[in-house]
Amino acid sequence: MKENHKEMNKADMSFDSSKEGCDQGNLVKLIDVDDDFIIELRYATEDNFTGKRVYESAECYIDRETLKMLIEARNVFKRDGYRIKIWDAYRPISAQKRFWEIYPDDNFVARPPDMKTMTSFRSTHMNGQCVDITLTDMEGRELKMPTCFDDFREIAALRNNDSETEEYKNAAYMCRVMKSVGFGASTTEWWHFYDNKNPHPRYLDYRI
C-alpha cells in the first residue's frame, strides 16, 4: 500500500490540477506495450482491504521508465519458470484520497499529496512508479507467499518470517530479482516495490 522510503522534496509531490483527470504524463497502458504480465488489479474489485471497488477500470498503467525495469525483472522470472502478477501499479490521486477517507492511518495508508508533510512517508503509486506484485508458475498458479495482499499484520514484513519456510524463500527470491533491476523494496509489505532508479515525475490524477 505505501512505501517506507522518505519524501524527496515538495516538488516531487506536485501535480497540475488544471489537467486533473486527463493528464497522462509519462504513463503507458501496460497491455499496449507488453501482454506477458498477469493483471489482476485488486482495487478494481471488492477484493481488497476497503471491501469496495475503488478504480472504475481494470486497465493497468505504469510509468514508461519503470516499465522497462519491470520487463527486465519479468525476463529473469520467466527464465526461471515464473510470471509476474500485478495487483496494483499507477493509482490516481483521487483514489488515494478515497483510501485515506476509508482508512486514515499513517501506518498503512499513504496520505494524499495535499496532506503530506516532510515527515510522512511517500507513495509513488500516484506517478506510476510503484508496483504491488506476486509470482505465479507458467500456468498462472500463485506461489506461496508470507501473507495475502494488503495484509497489515507484522508478518507481511519479510524480516518477520521464518527463513526456512517456502513462503519466505519465494518472497525473498522475488525481492532479490526486483532489487537487481533497480527497484527498492518495502520493509513492511513483501509485495510492494518502488522505482529506485529513475527521477520521480509529478503525481497525476489520470482517471482509470
Protein backbone atom coordinates (compact mmCIF):
# COMPACT_ATOMS: atom_id res chain seq x y z
CA MET A 1 0.00 0.00 0.00
CA LYS A 2 2.71 2.51 0.89
CA GLU A 3 6.47 2.76 0.80
CA ASN A 4 8.74 3.13 3.76
CA HIS A 5 11.11 5.46 1.90
CA LYS A 6 11.09 9.12 2.78
CA GLU A 7 9.80 12.03 0.74
CA MET A 8 12.39 13.62 -1.53
CA ASN A 9 11.11 17.19 -1.64
CA LYS A 10 7.93 19.14 -2.17
CA ALA A 11 8.50 19.40 -5.92
CA ASP A 12 8.15 15.64 -6.18
CA MET A 13 4.63 15.91 -4.77
CA SER A 14 3.39 18.49 -7.26
CA PHE A 15 0.61 17.97 -9.77
CA ASP A 16 -1.28 20.20 -12.18
CA SER A 17 -4.88 20.36 -11.02
CA SER A 18 -5.88 22.15 -14.23
CA LYS A 19 -5.28 18.89 -16.10
CA GLU A 20 -6.94 16.75 -13.46
CA GLY A 21 -8.44 13.59 -14.91
CA CYS A 22 -6.92 13.84 -18.40
CA ASP A 23 -3.16 14.36 -17.98
CA GLN A 24 -1.50 11.00 -18.66
CA GLY A 25 2.02 12.28 -18.05
CA ASN A 26 4.60 9.53 -18.64
CA LEU A 27 2.10 6.73 -18.04
CA VAL A 28 1.60 3.91 -20.53
CA LYS A 29 -1.09 1.25 -20.61
CA LEU A 30 0.78 -1.94 -19.80
CA ILE A 31 -1.12 -4.25 -22.16
CA ASP A 32 -0.35 -1.94 -25.11
CA VAL A 33 3.37 -2.43 -24.53
CA ASP A 34 3.65 -5.96 -23.17
CA ASP A 35 0.96 -8.62 -22.73
CA ASP A 36 3.09 -11.16 -20.87
CA PHE A 37 2.04 -9.99 -17.40
CA ILE A 38 -0.95 -11.25 -15.43
CA ILE A 39 -3.03 -8.23 -14.45
CA GLU A 40 -5.41 -8.52 -11.51
CA LEU A 41 -5.96 -5.03 -10.15
CA ARG A 42 -7.49 -5.64 -6.74
CA TYR A 43 -8.79 -2.09 -6.35
CA ALA A 44 -10.90 -2.56 -9.48
CA THR A 45 -12.76 -5.22 -7.49
CA GLU A 46 -14.20 -5.52 -3.99
CA ASP A 47 -11.44 -7.99 -3.06
CA ASN A 48 -9.23 -5.52 -1.20
CA PHE A 49 -8.82 -4.04 2.27
CA THR A 50 -11.56 -1.45 1.68
CA GLY A 51 -14.16 -4.01 0.65
CA LYS A 52 -15.15 -1.58 -2.11
CA ARG A 53 -14.36 -1.10 -5.78
CA VAL A 54 -12.11 1.96 -5.92
CA TYR A 55 -10.97 2.02 -9.56
CA GLU A 56 -13.53 2.48 -12.32
CA SER A 57 -11.43 0.44 -14.75
CA ALA A 58 -9.17 -2.61 -14.50
CA GLU A 59 -6.70 -1.16 -17.02
CA CYS A 60 -3.15 -1.15 -15.68
CA TYR A 61 -0.97 1.93 -16.21
CA ILE A 62 2.66 2.38 -15.23
CA ASP A 63 5.45 4.91 -15.71
CA ARG A 64 7.24 4.28 -19.01
CA GLU A 65 10.75 4.06 -17.50
CA THR A 66 9.59 1.96 -14.56
CA LEU A 67 8.03 -0.48 -17.02
CA LYS A 68 11.42 -1.03 -18.66
CA MET A 69 12.74 -2.19 -15.29
CA LEU A 70 9.72 -4.40 -14.73
CA ILE A 71 10.26 -6.05 -18.11
CA GLU A 72 13.86 -6.76 -17.11
CA ALA A 73 12.59 -8.47 -13.96
CA ARG A 74 9.94 -10.32 -15.98
CA ASN A 75 12.64 -11.77 -18.23
CA VAL A 76 14.57 -13.11 -15.23
CA PHE A 77 11.46 -14.63 -13.67
CA LYS A 78 10.39 -16.16 -16.99
CA ARG A 79 13.80 -17.77 -17.40
CA ASP A 80 13.29 -19.38 -14.00
CA GLY A 81 9.77 -20.55 -14.87
CA TYR A 82 7.64 -17.82 -13.26
CA ARG A 83 5.34 -14.97 -14.26
CA ILE A 84 4.55 -11.64 -12.61
CA LYS A 85 1.02 -10.99 -11.40
CA ILE A 86 0.29 -7.30 -10.86
CA TRP A 87 -2.13 -6.31 -8.09
CA ASP A 88 -1.59 -2.56 -8.33
CA ALA A 89 0.51 -0.05 -10.26
CA TYR A 90 -0.49 3.53 -11.09
CA ARG A 91 -3.09 4.93 -8.70
CA PRO A 92 -4.93 8.25 -9.29
CA ILE A 93 -4.71 10.90 -6.58
CA SER A 94 -8.49 10.71 -6.26
CA ALA A 95 -8.22 7.00 -5.40
CA GLN A 96 -5.54 7.73 -2.79
CA LYS A 97 -7.88 10.25 -1.22
CA ARG A 98 -10.59 7.59 -1.04
CA PHE A 99 -8.18 5.19 0.68
CA TRP A 100 -7.39 7.85 3.25
CA GLU A 101 -11.08 8.57 3.84
CA ILE A 102 -11.74 4.86 4.38
CA TYR A 103 -8.64 4.07 6.45
CA PRO A 104 -6.88 7.23 7.76
CA ASP A 105 -3.92 5.51 9.40
CA ASP A 106 -0.36 6.57 8.55
CA ASN A 107 0.89 3.11 9.43
CA PHE A 108 -0.92 1.55 6.48
CA VAL A 109 -2.18 4.20 4.05
CA ALA A 110 -0.14 6.97 2.45
CA ARG A 111 -1.60 10.46 2.71
CA PRO A 112 -2.76 12.20 -0.49
CA PRO A 113 -0.33 14.89 -1.77
CA ASP A 114 -2.22 17.82 -0.27
CA MET A 115 -2.00 16.22 3.19
CA LYS A 116 1.65 15.19 3.10
CA THR A 117 4.26 16.64 5.44
CA MET A 118 8.03 16.46 5.29
CA THR A 119 7.97 13.72 7.92
CA SER A 120 5.40 11.48 6.25
CA PHE A 121 6.19 8.54 4.02
CA ARG A 122 5.65 8.96 0.30
CA SER A 123 3.77 6.81 -2.18
CA THR A 124 4.75 6.79 -5.82
CA HIS A 125 1.80 4.73 -6.96
CA MET A 126 0.43 8.17 -7.84
CA ASN A 127 3.07 8.69 -10.51
CA GLY A 128 3.09 5.08 -11.69
CA GLN A 129 6.48 4.18 -10.24
CA CYS A 130 5.31 1.54 -7.78
CA VAL A 131 4.01 -1.97 -8.30
CA ASP A 132 2.36 -4.45 -5.97
CA ILE A 133 3.10 -7.92 -7.30
CA THR A 134 3.36 -11.61 -6.65
CA LEU A 135 4.65 -14.54 -8.70
CA THR A 136 2.88 -17.43 -10.39
CA ASP A 137 4.03 -20.52 -12.21
CA MET A 138 3.72 -20.53 -16.00
CA GLU A 139 0.12 -21.77 -15.71
CA GLY A 140 -0.85 -18.82 -13.54
CA ARG A 141 -0.93 -20.55 -10.15
CA GLU A 142 0.30 -18.23 -7.41
CA LEU A 143 3.40 -19.18 -5.44
CA LYS A 144 3.07 -19.41 -1.68
CA MET A 145 3.92 -16.10 -0.02
CA PRO A 146 4.01 -14.97 3.65
CA THR A 147 0.51 -13.41 3.57
CA CYS A 148 -2.29 -12.35 1.29
CA PHE A 149 -2.15 -8.96 -0.45
CA ASP A 150 -2.80 -5.93 1.77
CA ASP A 151 -2.34 -7.88 4.98
CA PHE A 152 -1.35 -5.23 7.52
CA ARG A 153 -0.02 -7.62 10.15
CA GLU A 154 3.65 -7.63 11.07
CA ILE A 155 4.10 -10.98 9.32
CA ALA A 156 3.71 -9.15 5.98
CA ALA A 157 7.25 -7.86 6.54
CA LEU A 158 9.75 -10.30 5.08
CA ARG A 159 12.05 -9.95 8.09
CA ASN A 160 9.32 -11.27 10.39
CA ASN A 161 9.15 -14.66 8.66
CA ASP A 162 10.98 -17.92 9.23
CA SER A 163 13.72 -18.00 6.61
CA GLU A 164 13.36 -21.77 6.27
CA THR A 165 9.77 -21.67 5.01
CA GLU A 166 8.73 -21.93 1.38
CA GLU A 167 6.78 -18.69 1.72
CA TYR A 168 9.85 -16.75 2.87
CA LYS A 169 12.09 -18.23 0.20
CA ASN A 170 9.64 -17.32 -2.57
CA ALA A 171 9.23 -13.75 -1.34
CA ALA A 172 12.98 -13.35 -0.79
CA TYR A 173 13.70 -14.61 -4.31
CA MET A 174 11.19 -12.15 -5.78
CA CYS A 175 12.76 -9.34 -3.75
CA ARG A 176 16.29 -10.17 -4.91
CA VAL A 177 15.32 -10.12 -8.57
CA MET A 178 13.37 -6.87 -8.27
CA LYS A 179 16.26 -5.16 -6.49
CA SER A 180 18.71 -6.43 -9.12
CA VAL A 181 16.96 -4.39 -11.84
CA GLY A 182 16.68 -1.17 -9.83
CA PHE A 183 13.61 -1.46 -7.62
CA GLY A 184 13.55 -0.72 -3.92
CA ALA A 185 11.54 -2.99 -1.63
CA SER A 186 9.16 -2.11 1.17
CA THR A 187 10.32 -3.25 4.59
CA THR A 188 6.73 -3.82 5.75
CA GLU A 189 5.00 -5.32 2.69
CA TRP A 190 6.60 -8.19 0.78
CA TRP A 191 4.56 -7.39 -2.37
CA HIS A 192 5.46 -3.71 -2.72
CA PHE A 193 8.29 -2.39 -4.90
CA TYR A 194 9.18 1.15 -5.97
CA ASP A 195 11.35 2.63 -8.70
CA ASN A 196 14.68 3.37 -7.04
CA LYS A 197 16.47 4.26 -10.25
CA ASN A 198 14.64 6.94 -12.25
CA PRO A 199 13.72 10.55 -11.40
CA HIS A 200 10.29 10.92 -9.84
CA PRO A 201 7.72 12.58 -12.12
CA ARG A 202 4.86 14.56 -10.64
CA TYR A 203 1.78 12.93 -9.16
CA LEU A 204 -1.17 12.52 -11.52
CA ASP A 205 -4.91 12.18 -11.28
CA TYR A 206 -5.38 10.46 -14.63
CA ARG A 207 -8.63 8.57 -14.16
CA ILE A 208 -8.62 4.86 -14.88
